[in-house]
């Protein structure tokens, strides 16, 4: 009696482990259904078969029987090369992640002043160039205080000098524009040629 209980418990744990690991599908002997709807390796529908017949078909083709839709009645299985399928799925996921990272570049903001010192300007420029090379966008802002509003052209000159120094690495997404007391501009990294 204890052996039967232990065997049942181990089978239950195996099913739980397989169910929790969503990346792996049930294949071959892991499938516990009595009858399954079998889809052939070329996508043709073979029909409803017993598990033994379905496994024999898969072994005859030197492929795996993979459970595609476990909740259907009867469950749907496909005859395919499971390792190749899993490899291609991982490859697609990596490509999707790579495209997602490319689309999610960060926006780094640098605040400049119309009276910025040369050393501060060069430090901000070096840091901005690093971020541009990484693929991040840069937002330059100049905040005018008090009487500086009478000479907004000084802030524009600072931004244009910054743009000129980064022209090999960045393109202008938004031209410098004054909005209240703040002039801003956005730079994006140049596309690889």
N, C-alpha and C. Protein backbone atom coordinates (compact mmCIF):
# COMPACT_ATOMS: atom_id res chain seq x y z
N UNK A 1 0.82 -1.20 0.00
CA UNK A 1 0.00 0.00 0.00
C UNK A 1 0.86 1.26 0.00
N UNK A 2 1.96 1.25 0.78
CA UNK A 2 2.85 2.40 0.84
C UNK A 2 3.53 2.66 -0.50
N UNK A 3 3.87 1.60 -1.21
CA UNK A 3 4.54 1.75 -2.51
C UNK A 3 3.59 2.41 -3.51
N UNK A 4 2.34 2.03 -3.51
CA UNK A 4 1.35 2.64 -4.41
C UNK A 4 1.18 4.12 -4.07
N UNK A 5 1.10 4.43 -2.77
CA UNK A 5 0.94 5.82 -2.35
C UNK A 5 2.15 6.66 -2.77
N UNK A 6 3.36 6.12 -2.57
CA UNK A 6 4.59 6.84 -2.95
C UNK A 6 4.62 7.03 -4.45
N UNK A 7 4.27 6.01 -5.22
CA UNK A 7 4.25 6.11 -6.68
C UNK A 7 3.27 7.18 -7.14
N UNK A 8 2.08 7.21 -6.55
CA UNK A 8 1.07 8.21 -6.90
C UNK A 8 1.57 9.61 -6.55
N UNK A 9 2.18 9.74 -5.39
CA UNK A 9 2.71 11.04 -4.96
C UNK A 9 3.80 11.53 -5.92
N UNK A 10 4.70 10.62 -6.32
CA UNK A 10 5.78 11.02 -7.24
C UNK A 10 5.22 11.43 -8.60
N UNK A 11 4.20 10.69 -9.09
CA UNK A 11 3.57 11.07 -10.36
C UNK A 11 2.92 12.45 -10.24
N UNK A 12 2.27 12.71 -9.10
CA UNK A 12 1.64 14.00 -8.87
C UNK A 12 2.69 15.12 -8.86
N UNK A 13 3.81 14.88 -8.18
CA UNK A 13 4.88 15.89 -8.11
C UNK A 13 5.48 16.14 -9.50
N UNK A 14 5.62 15.08 -10.29
CA UNK A 14 6.15 15.23 -11.64
C UNK A 14 5.23 16.11 -12.48
N UNK A 15 3.92 15.88 -12.38
CA UNK A 15 2.96 16.70 -13.11
C UNK A 15 3.02 18.15 -12.64
N UNK A 16 3.16 18.38 -11.33
CA UNK A 16 3.27 19.74 -10.81
C UNK A 16 4.51 20.44 -11.33
N UNK A 17 5.63 19.75 -11.34
CA UNK A 17 6.88 20.35 -11.82
C UNK A 17 6.76 20.70 -13.29
N UNK A 18 6.19 19.81 -14.06
CA UNK A 18 6.02 20.08 -15.49
C UNK A 18 5.05 21.24 -15.70
N UNK A 19 3.98 21.28 -14.93
CA UNK A 19 2.99 22.35 -15.08
C UNK A 19 3.57 23.71 -14.67
N UNK A 20 4.41 23.71 -13.65
CA UNK A 20 5.00 24.98 -13.20
C UNK A 20 6.03 25.51 -14.17
N UNK A 21 6.70 24.64 -14.90
CA UNK A 21 7.70 25.08 -15.86
C UNK A 21 7.00 25.33 -17.19
N UNK A 22 6.58 26.58 -17.43
CA UNK A 22 5.76 26.89 -18.59
C UNK A 22 6.55 26.86 -19.89
N UNK A 23 7.89 26.95 -19.82
CA UNK A 23 8.67 26.93 -21.04
C UNK A 23 8.74 25.53 -21.64
N UNK A 24 8.63 24.51 -20.81
CA UNK A 24 8.68 23.14 -21.30
C UNK A 24 7.27 22.61 -21.46
N UNK A 25 7.05 21.93 -22.57
CA UNK A 25 5.76 21.31 -22.81
C UNK A 25 5.89 19.83 -22.53
N UNK A 26 4.77 19.18 -22.30
CA UNK A 26 4.81 17.74 -22.07
C UNK A 26 5.09 17.04 -23.39
N UNK A 27 6.00 16.07 -23.34
CA UNK A 27 6.35 15.33 -24.55
C UNK A 27 6.31 13.83 -24.26
N UNK A 28 6.07 13.06 -25.30
CA UNK A 28 6.11 11.60 -25.30
C UNK A 28 5.42 10.99 -24.09
N UNK A 29 6.15 10.26 -23.23
CA UNK A 29 5.55 9.52 -22.12
C UNK A 29 5.04 10.42 -21.00
N UNK A 30 5.38 11.70 -21.01
CA UNK A 30 4.90 12.62 -19.98
C UNK A 30 3.40 12.90 -20.15
N UNK A 31 2.89 12.70 -21.35
CA UNK A 31 1.48 12.97 -21.63
C UNK A 31 0.65 11.84 -21.02
N UNK A 32 -0.32 12.19 -20.18
CA UNK A 32 -1.09 11.20 -19.42
C UNK A 32 -2.48 10.96 -19.98
N UNK A 33 -2.85 11.53 -21.11
CA UNK A 33 -4.19 11.35 -21.67
C UNK A 33 -4.33 9.95 -22.28
N UNK A 34 -5.57 9.47 -22.37
CA UNK A 34 -5.81 8.15 -22.98
C UNK A 34 -5.90 8.27 -24.49
N UNK A 35 -6.58 9.32 -24.97
CA UNK A 35 -6.71 9.56 -26.40
C UNK A 35 -6.33 11.01 -26.69
N UNK A 36 -5.70 11.22 -27.85
CA UNK A 36 -5.28 12.56 -28.25
C UNK A 36 -5.60 12.77 -29.72
N UNK A 37 -5.81 14.03 -30.08
CA UNK A 37 -5.94 14.40 -31.48
C UNK A 37 -4.54 14.66 -31.99
N UNK A 38 -4.12 13.94 -33.01
CA UNK A 38 -2.74 14.01 -33.48
C UNK A 38 -2.67 14.87 -34.74
N UNK A 39 -1.70 15.77 -34.76
CA UNK A 39 -1.40 16.59 -35.93
C UNK A 39 -0.03 16.14 -36.41
N UNK A 40 0.09 15.87 -37.68
CA UNK A 40 1.32 15.34 -38.26
C UNK A 40 2.42 16.38 -38.33
N UNK A 41 3.63 15.97 -38.73
CA UNK A 41 4.77 16.89 -38.79
C UNK A 41 4.61 17.99 -39.83
N UNK A 42 3.77 17.77 -40.85
CA UNK A 42 3.57 18.79 -41.89
C UNK A 42 2.32 19.61 -41.66
N UNK A 43 1.67 19.44 -40.49
CA UNK A 43 0.49 20.22 -40.16
C UNK A 43 -0.82 19.54 -40.52
N UNK A 44 -0.76 18.34 -41.11
CA UNK A 44 -2.00 17.64 -41.47
C UNK A 44 -2.59 16.98 -40.24
N UNK A 45 -3.91 16.92 -40.19
CA UNK A 45 -4.60 16.33 -39.05
C UNK A 45 -4.70 14.82 -39.28
N UNK A 46 -4.11 14.05 -38.36
CA UNK A 46 -4.10 12.59 -38.49
C UNK A 46 -5.38 12.00 -37.92
N UNK A 47 -5.89 12.57 -36.84
CA UNK A 47 -7.13 12.10 -36.24
C UNK A 47 -6.95 11.77 -34.77
N UNK A 48 -8.03 11.28 -34.16
CA UNK A 48 -7.99 10.91 -32.74
C UNK A 48 -7.38 9.52 -32.63
N UNK A 49 -6.32 9.41 -31.84
CA UNK A 49 -5.60 8.14 -31.67
C UNK A 49 -5.42 7.87 -30.19
N UNK A 50 -5.23 6.59 -29.87
CA UNK A 50 -4.88 6.25 -28.49
C UNK A 50 -3.44 6.70 -28.25
N UNK A 51 -3.05 6.85 -26.99
CA UNK A 51 -1.69 7.32 -26.67
C UNK A 51 -0.64 6.39 -27.27
N UNK A 52 -0.86 5.09 -27.19
CA UNK A 52 0.13 4.14 -27.72
C UNK A 52 0.30 4.30 -29.23
N UNK A 53 -0.83 4.47 -29.95
CA UNK A 53 -0.75 4.66 -31.40
C UNK A 53 -0.05 5.98 -31.74
N UNK A 54 -0.36 7.03 -30.99
CA UNK A 54 0.27 8.34 -31.25
C UNK A 54 1.77 8.27 -31.00
N UNK A 55 2.18 7.61 -29.92
CA UNK A 55 3.62 7.46 -29.63
C UNK A 55 4.31 6.64 -30.71
N UNK A 56 3.63 5.59 -31.20
CA UNK A 56 4.19 4.77 -32.27
C UNK A 56 4.38 5.59 -33.54
N UNK A 57 3.38 6.45 -33.87
CA UNK A 57 3.52 7.33 -35.04
C UNK A 57 4.73 8.26 -34.90
N UNK A 58 4.89 8.84 -33.72
CA UNK A 58 6.00 9.76 -33.49
C UNK A 58 7.34 9.02 -33.57
N UNK A 59 7.42 7.84 -32.98
CA UNK A 59 8.67 7.08 -33.02
C UNK A 59 8.98 6.63 -34.45
N UNK A 60 7.96 6.28 -35.22
CA UNK A 60 8.15 5.86 -36.60
C UNK A 60 8.75 7.00 -37.43
N UNK A 61 8.34 8.23 -37.13
CA UNK A 61 8.86 9.40 -37.84
C UNK A 61 10.16 9.92 -37.23
N UNK A 62 10.65 9.27 -36.16
CA UNK A 62 11.87 9.70 -35.44
C UNK A 62 11.72 11.11 -34.89
N UNK A 63 10.51 11.41 -34.41
CA UNK A 63 10.22 12.73 -33.84
C UNK A 63 9.57 12.55 -32.48
N UNK A 64 9.19 13.66 -31.86
CA UNK A 64 8.56 13.65 -30.54
C UNK A 64 7.08 13.94 -30.67
N UNK A 65 6.31 13.43 -29.73
CA UNK A 65 4.89 13.77 -29.62
C UNK A 65 4.78 14.85 -28.55
N UNK A 66 4.36 16.05 -28.95
CA UNK A 66 4.34 17.20 -28.05
C UNK A 66 2.89 17.62 -27.81
N UNK A 67 2.54 17.80 -26.53
CA UNK A 67 1.20 18.23 -26.14
C UNK A 67 1.08 19.73 -26.38
N UNK A 68 0.27 20.11 -27.35
CA UNK A 68 0.12 21.52 -27.74
C UNK A 68 -1.00 22.18 -26.95
N UNK A 69 -2.16 21.52 -26.90
CA UNK A 69 -3.33 22.09 -26.23
C UNK A 69 -3.88 21.08 -25.23
N UNK A 70 -3.45 21.16 -23.96
CA UNK A 70 -3.88 20.17 -22.98
C UNK A 70 -5.34 20.32 -22.54
N UNK A 71 -5.93 21.50 -22.71
CA UNK A 71 -7.29 21.74 -22.21
C UNK A 71 -8.37 21.38 -23.22
N UNK A 72 -7.98 21.07 -24.46
CA UNK A 72 -8.96 20.71 -25.48
C UNK A 72 -9.52 19.32 -25.19
N UNK A 73 -10.65 19.00 -25.84
CA UNK A 73 -11.23 17.67 -25.68
C UNK A 73 -11.32 17.03 -27.06
N UNK A 74 -10.59 16.03 -27.40
CA UNK A 74 -9.45 15.45 -26.68
C UNK A 74 -8.24 16.38 -26.79
N UNK A 75 -7.22 16.19 -25.91
CA UNK A 75 -6.01 17.02 -25.97
C UNK A 75 -5.34 16.92 -27.34
N UNK A 76 -4.76 18.03 -27.79
CA UNK A 76 -4.14 18.08 -29.11
C UNK A 76 -2.63 17.91 -28.97
N UNK A 77 -2.08 16.97 -29.76
CA UNK A 77 -0.63 16.73 -29.77
C UNK A 77 -0.12 16.87 -31.19
N UNK A 78 1.12 17.29 -31.31
CA UNK A 78 1.73 17.43 -32.63
C UNK A 78 3.01 16.62 -32.67
N UNK A 79 3.25 16.01 -33.82
CA UNK A 79 4.48 15.25 -34.04
C UNK A 79 5.50 16.24 -34.59
N UNK A 80 6.58 16.46 -33.83
CA UNK A 80 7.61 17.44 -34.24
C UNK A 80 8.93 17.14 -33.55
N UNK A 81 9.98 17.80 -34.02
CA UNK A 81 11.29 17.72 -33.37
C UNK A 81 11.27 18.74 -32.23
N UNK A 82 11.11 18.28 -31.00
CA UNK A 82 10.92 19.17 -29.86
C UNK A 82 12.14 20.04 -29.59
N UNK A 83 13.34 19.47 -29.70
CA UNK A 83 14.55 20.26 -29.43
C UNK A 83 14.70 21.40 -30.44
N UNK A 84 14.41 21.13 -31.71
CA UNK A 84 14.48 22.18 -32.73
C UNK A 84 13.44 23.26 -32.44
N UNK A 85 12.22 22.84 -32.07
CA UNK A 85 11.14 23.78 -31.75
C UNK A 85 11.55 24.68 -30.59
N UNK A 86 12.10 24.07 -29.53
CA UNK A 86 12.50 24.84 -28.35
C UNK A 86 13.64 25.81 -28.68
N UNK A 87 14.59 25.38 -29.49
CA UNK A 87 15.71 26.24 -29.91
C UNK A 87 15.19 27.44 -30.69
N UNK A 88 14.30 27.21 -31.65
CA UNK A 88 13.76 28.32 -32.45
C UNK A 88 12.93 29.27 -31.60
N UNK A 89 12.20 28.73 -30.62
CA UNK A 89 11.41 29.57 -29.72
C UNK A 89 12.31 30.47 -28.88
N UNK A 90 13.42 29.90 -28.36
CA UNK A 90 14.36 30.70 -27.57
C UNK A 90 15.01 31.77 -28.43
N UNK A 91 15.32 31.42 -29.66
CA UNK A 91 15.94 32.38 -30.59
C UNK A 91 14.99 33.55 -30.85
N UNK A 92 13.70 33.26 -31.06
CA UNK A 92 12.71 34.32 -31.29
C UNK A 92 12.56 35.21 -30.06
N UNK A 93 12.58 34.60 -28.87
CA UNK A 93 12.45 35.37 -27.64
C UNK A 93 13.64 36.31 -27.46
N UNK A 94 14.85 35.83 -27.78
CA UNK A 94 16.04 36.69 -27.68
C UNK A 94 15.96 37.85 -28.65
N UNK A 95 15.51 37.59 -29.88
CA UNK A 95 15.37 38.66 -30.87
C UNK A 95 14.34 39.68 -30.41
N UNK A 96 13.23 39.21 -29.87
CA UNK A 96 12.19 40.13 -29.38
C UNK A 96 12.72 40.98 -28.23
N UNK A 97 13.50 40.36 -27.34
CA UNK A 97 14.08 41.10 -26.23
C UNK A 97 15.08 42.14 -26.72
N UNK A 98 15.85 41.78 -27.74
CA UNK A 98 16.82 42.71 -28.30
C UNK A 98 16.11 43.91 -28.93
N UNK A 99 15.03 43.65 -29.68
CA UNK A 99 14.26 44.76 -30.28
C UNK A 99 13.62 45.62 -29.20
N UNK A 100 13.14 44.98 -28.13
CA UNK A 100 12.50 45.72 -27.04
C UNK A 100 13.52 46.65 -26.36
N UNK A 101 14.74 46.15 -26.14
CA UNK A 101 15.77 47.00 -25.53
C UNK A 101 16.11 48.18 -26.42
N UNK A 102 16.16 47.94 -27.73
CA UNK A 102 16.47 49.03 -28.65
C UNK A 102 15.41 50.11 -28.63
N UNK A 103 14.15 49.70 -28.46
CA UNK A 103 13.06 50.67 -28.43
C UNK A 103 12.94 51.39 -27.10
N UNK A 104 13.54 50.84 -26.06
CA UNK A 104 13.40 51.42 -24.73
C UNK A 104 14.64 52.17 -24.29
N UNK A 105 15.23 52.95 -25.21
CA UNK A 105 16.39 53.73 -24.82
C UNK A 105 15.95 54.79 -23.81
N UNK A 106 16.84 55.10 -22.90
CA UNK A 106 16.52 56.06 -21.85
C UNK A 106 16.70 57.48 -22.34
N UNK A 107 16.07 58.41 -21.65
CA UNK A 107 16.21 59.83 -21.93
C UNK A 107 17.02 60.44 -20.78
N UNK A 108 18.23 60.87 -21.08
CA UNK A 108 19.09 61.50 -20.08
C UNK A 108 18.99 63.02 -20.25
N UNK A 109 18.81 63.72 -19.14
CA UNK A 109 18.66 65.17 -19.22
C UNK A 109 19.90 65.85 -18.66
N UNK A 110 20.38 66.84 -19.40
CA UNK A 110 21.52 67.65 -18.97
C UNK A 110 21.06 69.09 -18.88
N UNK A 111 21.23 69.65 -17.67
CA UNK A 111 20.86 71.05 -17.46
C UNK A 111 22.10 71.91 -17.65
N UNK A 112 22.00 72.83 -18.56
CA UNK A 112 23.09 73.76 -18.83
C UNK A 112 22.66 75.15 -18.37
N UNK A 113 23.62 76.04 -18.31
CA UNK A 113 23.34 77.42 -17.91
C UNK A 113 23.87 78.33 -19.01
N UNK A 114 23.27 79.50 -19.21
CA UNK A 114 23.80 80.42 -20.23
C UNK A 114 25.23 80.87 -19.90
N UNK A 115 25.60 80.77 -18.61
CA UNK A 115 26.95 81.19 -18.20
C UNK A 115 27.77 80.00 -17.73
N UNK A 116 27.63 78.84 -18.38
CA UNK A 116 28.32 77.63 -17.95
C UNK A 116 29.82 77.77 -18.17
N UNK A 117 30.60 77.25 -17.24
CA UNK A 117 32.05 77.29 -17.31
C UNK A 117 32.53 76.23 -18.31
N UNK A 118 33.71 76.43 -18.87
CA UNK A 118 34.27 75.52 -19.88
C UNK A 118 34.45 74.11 -19.32
N UNK A 119 34.94 73.99 -18.10
CA UNK A 119 35.18 72.68 -17.49
C UNK A 119 33.88 71.91 -17.28
N UNK A 120 32.85 72.61 -16.78
CA UNK A 120 31.54 71.98 -16.59
C UNK A 120 30.94 71.54 -17.92
N UNK A 121 31.09 72.40 -18.92
CA UNK A 121 30.58 72.09 -20.25
C UNK A 121 31.24 70.82 -20.80
N UNK A 122 32.56 70.74 -20.69
CA UNK A 122 33.30 69.58 -21.21
C UNK A 122 32.94 68.30 -20.47
N UNK A 123 32.75 68.39 -19.15
CA UNK A 123 32.38 67.21 -18.36
C UNK A 123 31.01 66.70 -18.80
N UNK A 124 30.04 67.59 -18.93
CA UNK A 124 28.70 67.19 -19.37
C UNK A 124 28.73 66.64 -20.79
N UNK A 125 29.57 67.21 -21.62
CA UNK A 125 29.70 66.73 -23.00
C UNK A 125 30.26 65.31 -23.04
N UNK A 126 31.30 65.04 -22.24
CA UNK A 126 31.90 63.69 -22.19
C UNK A 126 30.87 62.66 -21.73
N UNK A 127 30.13 63.00 -20.67
CA UNK A 127 29.11 62.08 -20.16
C UNK A 127 28.00 61.85 -21.19
N UNK A 128 27.59 62.91 -21.86
CA UNK A 128 26.53 62.79 -22.86
C UNK A 128 26.99 61.91 -24.03
N UNK A 129 28.24 62.04 -24.42
CA UNK A 129 28.77 61.22 -25.52
C UNK A 129 28.75 59.74 -25.14
N UNK A 130 29.06 59.42 -23.89
CA UNK A 130 29.01 58.02 -23.44
C UNK A 130 27.60 57.47 -23.57
N UNK A 131 26.61 58.25 -23.13
CA UNK A 131 25.23 57.80 -23.20
C UNK A 131 24.74 57.69 -24.66
N UNK A 132 25.18 58.62 -25.51
CA UNK A 132 24.79 58.54 -26.91
C UNK A 132 25.36 57.28 -27.56
N UNK A 133 26.59 56.92 -27.21
CA UNK A 133 27.19 55.71 -27.77
C UNK A 133 26.49 54.46 -27.27
N UNK A 134 25.91 54.52 -26.05
CA UNK A 134 25.13 53.39 -25.51
C UNK A 134 23.76 53.29 -26.16
N UNK A 135 23.32 54.37 -26.82
CA UNK A 135 22.02 54.34 -27.49
C UNK A 135 20.93 55.13 -26.78
N UNK A 136 21.29 55.88 -25.75
CA UNK A 136 20.30 56.68 -25.03
C UNK A 136 20.10 58.03 -25.71
N UNK A 137 18.91 58.61 -25.49
CA UNK A 137 18.62 59.94 -26.00
C UNK A 137 19.04 60.98 -24.96
N UNK A 138 19.35 62.17 -25.41
CA UNK A 138 19.81 63.25 -24.54
C UNK A 138 18.87 64.45 -24.68
N UNK A 139 18.44 64.98 -23.53
CA UNK A 139 17.64 66.20 -23.53
C UNK A 139 18.50 67.29 -22.89
N UNK A 140 18.71 68.36 -23.64
CA UNK A 140 19.47 69.51 -23.14
C UNK A 140 18.48 70.59 -22.72
N UNK A 141 18.66 71.12 -21.51
CA UNK A 141 17.80 72.21 -21.05
C UNK A 141 18.67 73.34 -20.52
N UNK A 142 18.24 74.55 -20.81
CA UNK A 142 18.87 75.75 -20.26
C UNK A 142 17.77 76.52 -19.54
N UNK A 143 17.99 76.77 -18.23
CA UNK A 143 17.00 77.50 -17.43
C UNK A 143 17.51 78.94 -17.26
N UNK A 144 16.64 79.88 -17.60
CA UNK A 144 16.99 81.29 -17.49
C UNK A 144 16.46 81.84 -16.18
N UNK A 145 17.33 82.57 -15.47
CA UNK A 145 16.95 83.15 -14.18
C UNK A 145 17.02 84.68 -14.27
N UNK A 146 16.03 85.31 -13.72
CA UNK A 146 16.04 86.77 -13.61
C UNK A 146 16.28 87.49 -14.93
N UNK A 147 17.35 88.29 -14.97
CA UNK A 147 17.63 89.12 -16.14
C UNK A 147 18.18 88.33 -17.32
N UNK A 148 18.49 87.05 -17.11
CA UNK A 148 18.98 86.21 -18.22
C UNK A 148 17.91 86.08 -19.30
N UNK A 149 16.64 86.29 -18.95
CA UNK A 149 15.55 86.19 -19.93
C UNK A 149 15.71 87.23 -21.04
N UNK A 150 16.41 88.31 -20.76
CA UNK A 150 16.62 89.35 -21.78
C UNK A 150 17.63 88.89 -22.81
N UNK A 151 18.42 87.85 -22.49
CA UNK A 151 19.47 87.39 -23.41
C UNK A 151 19.35 85.88 -23.64
N UNK A 152 18.21 85.46 -24.15
CA UNK A 152 18.01 84.03 -24.42
C UNK A 152 18.93 83.52 -25.52
N UNK A 153 19.46 84.42 -26.32
CA UNK A 153 20.39 84.00 -27.39
C UNK A 153 21.66 83.38 -26.81
N UNK A 154 22.04 83.76 -25.57
CA UNK A 154 23.21 83.14 -24.93
C UNK A 154 22.94 81.66 -24.63
N UNK A 155 21.74 81.35 -24.17
CA UNK A 155 21.37 79.96 -23.92
C UNK A 155 21.32 79.16 -25.21
N UNK A 156 20.79 79.78 -26.27
CA UNK A 156 20.74 79.10 -27.57
C UNK A 156 22.15 78.82 -28.07
N UNK A 157 23.09 79.75 -27.86
CA UNK A 157 24.49 79.54 -28.28
C UNK A 157 25.11 78.35 -27.54
N UNK A 158 24.81 78.22 -26.23
CA UNK A 158 25.35 77.10 -25.45
C UNK A 158 24.82 75.77 -26.00
N UNK A 159 23.51 75.73 -26.26
CA UNK A 159 22.91 74.50 -26.80
C UNK A 159 23.49 74.19 -28.19
N UNK A 160 23.61 75.20 -29.04
CA UNK A 160 24.13 74.97 -30.39
C UNK A 160 25.59 74.52 -30.36
N UNK A 161 26.36 75.03 -29.40
CA UNK A 161 27.76 74.59 -29.25
C UNK A 161 27.79 73.11 -28.82
N UNK A 162 26.88 72.72 -27.92
CA UNK A 162 26.78 71.32 -27.48
C UNK A 162 26.41 70.42 -28.66
N UNK A 163 25.44 70.88 -29.46
CA UNK A 163 25.01 70.11 -30.63
C UNK A 163 26.16 69.97 -31.62
N UNK A 164 26.90 71.04 -31.82
CA UNK A 164 28.03 71.02 -32.77
C UNK A 164 29.09 70.00 -32.33
N UNK A 165 29.35 69.92 -31.02
CA UNK A 165 30.37 68.99 -30.51
C UNK A 165 29.91 67.53 -30.60
N UNK A 166 28.58 67.31 -30.61
CA UNK A 166 28.06 65.93 -30.65
C UNK A 166 27.57 65.53 -32.03
N UNK A 167 27.83 66.33 -33.07
CA UNK A 167 27.25 66.06 -34.39
C UNK A 167 27.69 64.73 -35.00
N UNK A 168 28.85 64.21 -34.60
CA UNK A 168 29.31 62.92 -35.13
C UNK A 168 28.56 61.75 -34.49
N UNK A 169 27.95 61.97 -33.33
CA UNK A 169 27.30 60.90 -32.59
C UNK A 169 25.78 61.03 -32.53
N UNK A 170 25.25 62.24 -32.79
CA UNK A 170 23.82 62.45 -32.55
C UNK A 170 23.18 63.28 -33.65
N UNK A 171 21.88 63.06 -33.81
CA UNK A 171 21.03 63.88 -34.67
C UNK A 171 20.07 64.64 -33.79
N UNK A 172 19.56 65.77 -34.30
CA UNK A 172 18.63 66.58 -33.52
C UNK A 172 17.22 66.07 -33.76
N UNK A 173 16.54 65.66 -32.70
CA UNK A 173 15.15 65.23 -32.80
C UNK A 173 14.22 66.44 -32.70
N UNK A 174 14.52 67.32 -31.75
CA UNK A 174 13.75 68.55 -31.59
C UNK A 174 14.72 69.73 -31.56
N UNK A 175 14.46 70.72 -32.37
CA UNK A 175 15.29 71.93 -32.39
C UNK A 175 15.12 72.68 -31.07
N UNK A 176 16.11 73.46 -30.65
CA UNK A 176 15.98 74.24 -29.41
C UNK A 176 14.78 75.17 -29.47
N UNK A 177 13.93 75.10 -28.44
CA UNK A 177 12.77 75.98 -28.39
C UNK A 177 12.59 76.49 -26.97
N UNK A 178 12.11 77.70 -26.87
CA UNK A 178 11.91 78.36 -25.58
C UNK A 178 10.49 78.12 -25.12
N UNK A 179 10.37 77.62 -23.88
CA UNK A 179 9.05 77.38 -23.29
C UNK A 179 9.08 78.00 -21.90
N UNK A 180 8.55 79.21 -21.79
CA UNK A 180 8.61 79.92 -20.51
C UNK A 180 10.04 80.35 -20.22
N UNK A 181 10.60 79.88 -19.12
CA UNK A 181 11.98 80.22 -18.75
C UNK A 181 12.96 79.11 -19.12
N UNK A 182 12.51 78.09 -19.83
CA UNK A 182 13.36 76.94 -20.16
C UNK A 182 13.45 76.77 -21.66
N UNK A 183 14.68 76.63 -22.16
CA UNK A 183 14.91 76.30 -23.56
C UNK A 183 15.39 74.86 -23.58
N UNK A 184 14.80 74.03 -24.45
CA UNK A 184 15.18 72.62 -24.47
C UNK A 184 15.36 72.12 -25.89
N UNK A 185 16.05 70.98 -25.98
CA UNK A 185 16.37 70.35 -27.26
C UNK A 185 16.61 68.86 -26.99
N UNK A 186 16.25 67.98 -27.93
CA UNK A 186 16.45 66.54 -27.75
C UNK A 186 17.36 66.02 -28.85
N UNK A 187 18.37 65.23 -28.44
CA UNK A 187 19.31 64.59 -29.36
C UNK A 187 19.10 63.09 -29.32
N UNK A 188 19.18 62.45 -30.49
CA UNK A 188 19.08 60.99 -30.56
C UNK A 188 20.36 60.45 -31.19
N UNK A 189 20.78 59.23 -30.81
CA UNK A 189 21.99 58.68 -31.39
C UNK A 189 21.82 58.46 -32.89
N UNK A 190 22.90 58.61 -33.64
CA UNK A 190 22.87 58.36 -35.07
C UNK A 190 22.67 56.88 -35.32
N UNK A 191 21.91 56.56 -36.35
CA UNK A 191 21.70 55.16 -36.73
C UNK A 191 22.99 54.63 -37.36
N UNK A 192 23.27 53.34 -37.10
CA UNK A 192 24.45 52.72 -37.72
C UNK A 192 24.26 52.64 -39.22
N UNK A 193 25.32 52.96 -39.93
CA UNK A 193 25.23 52.97 -41.39
C UNK A 193 25.52 51.62 -41.94
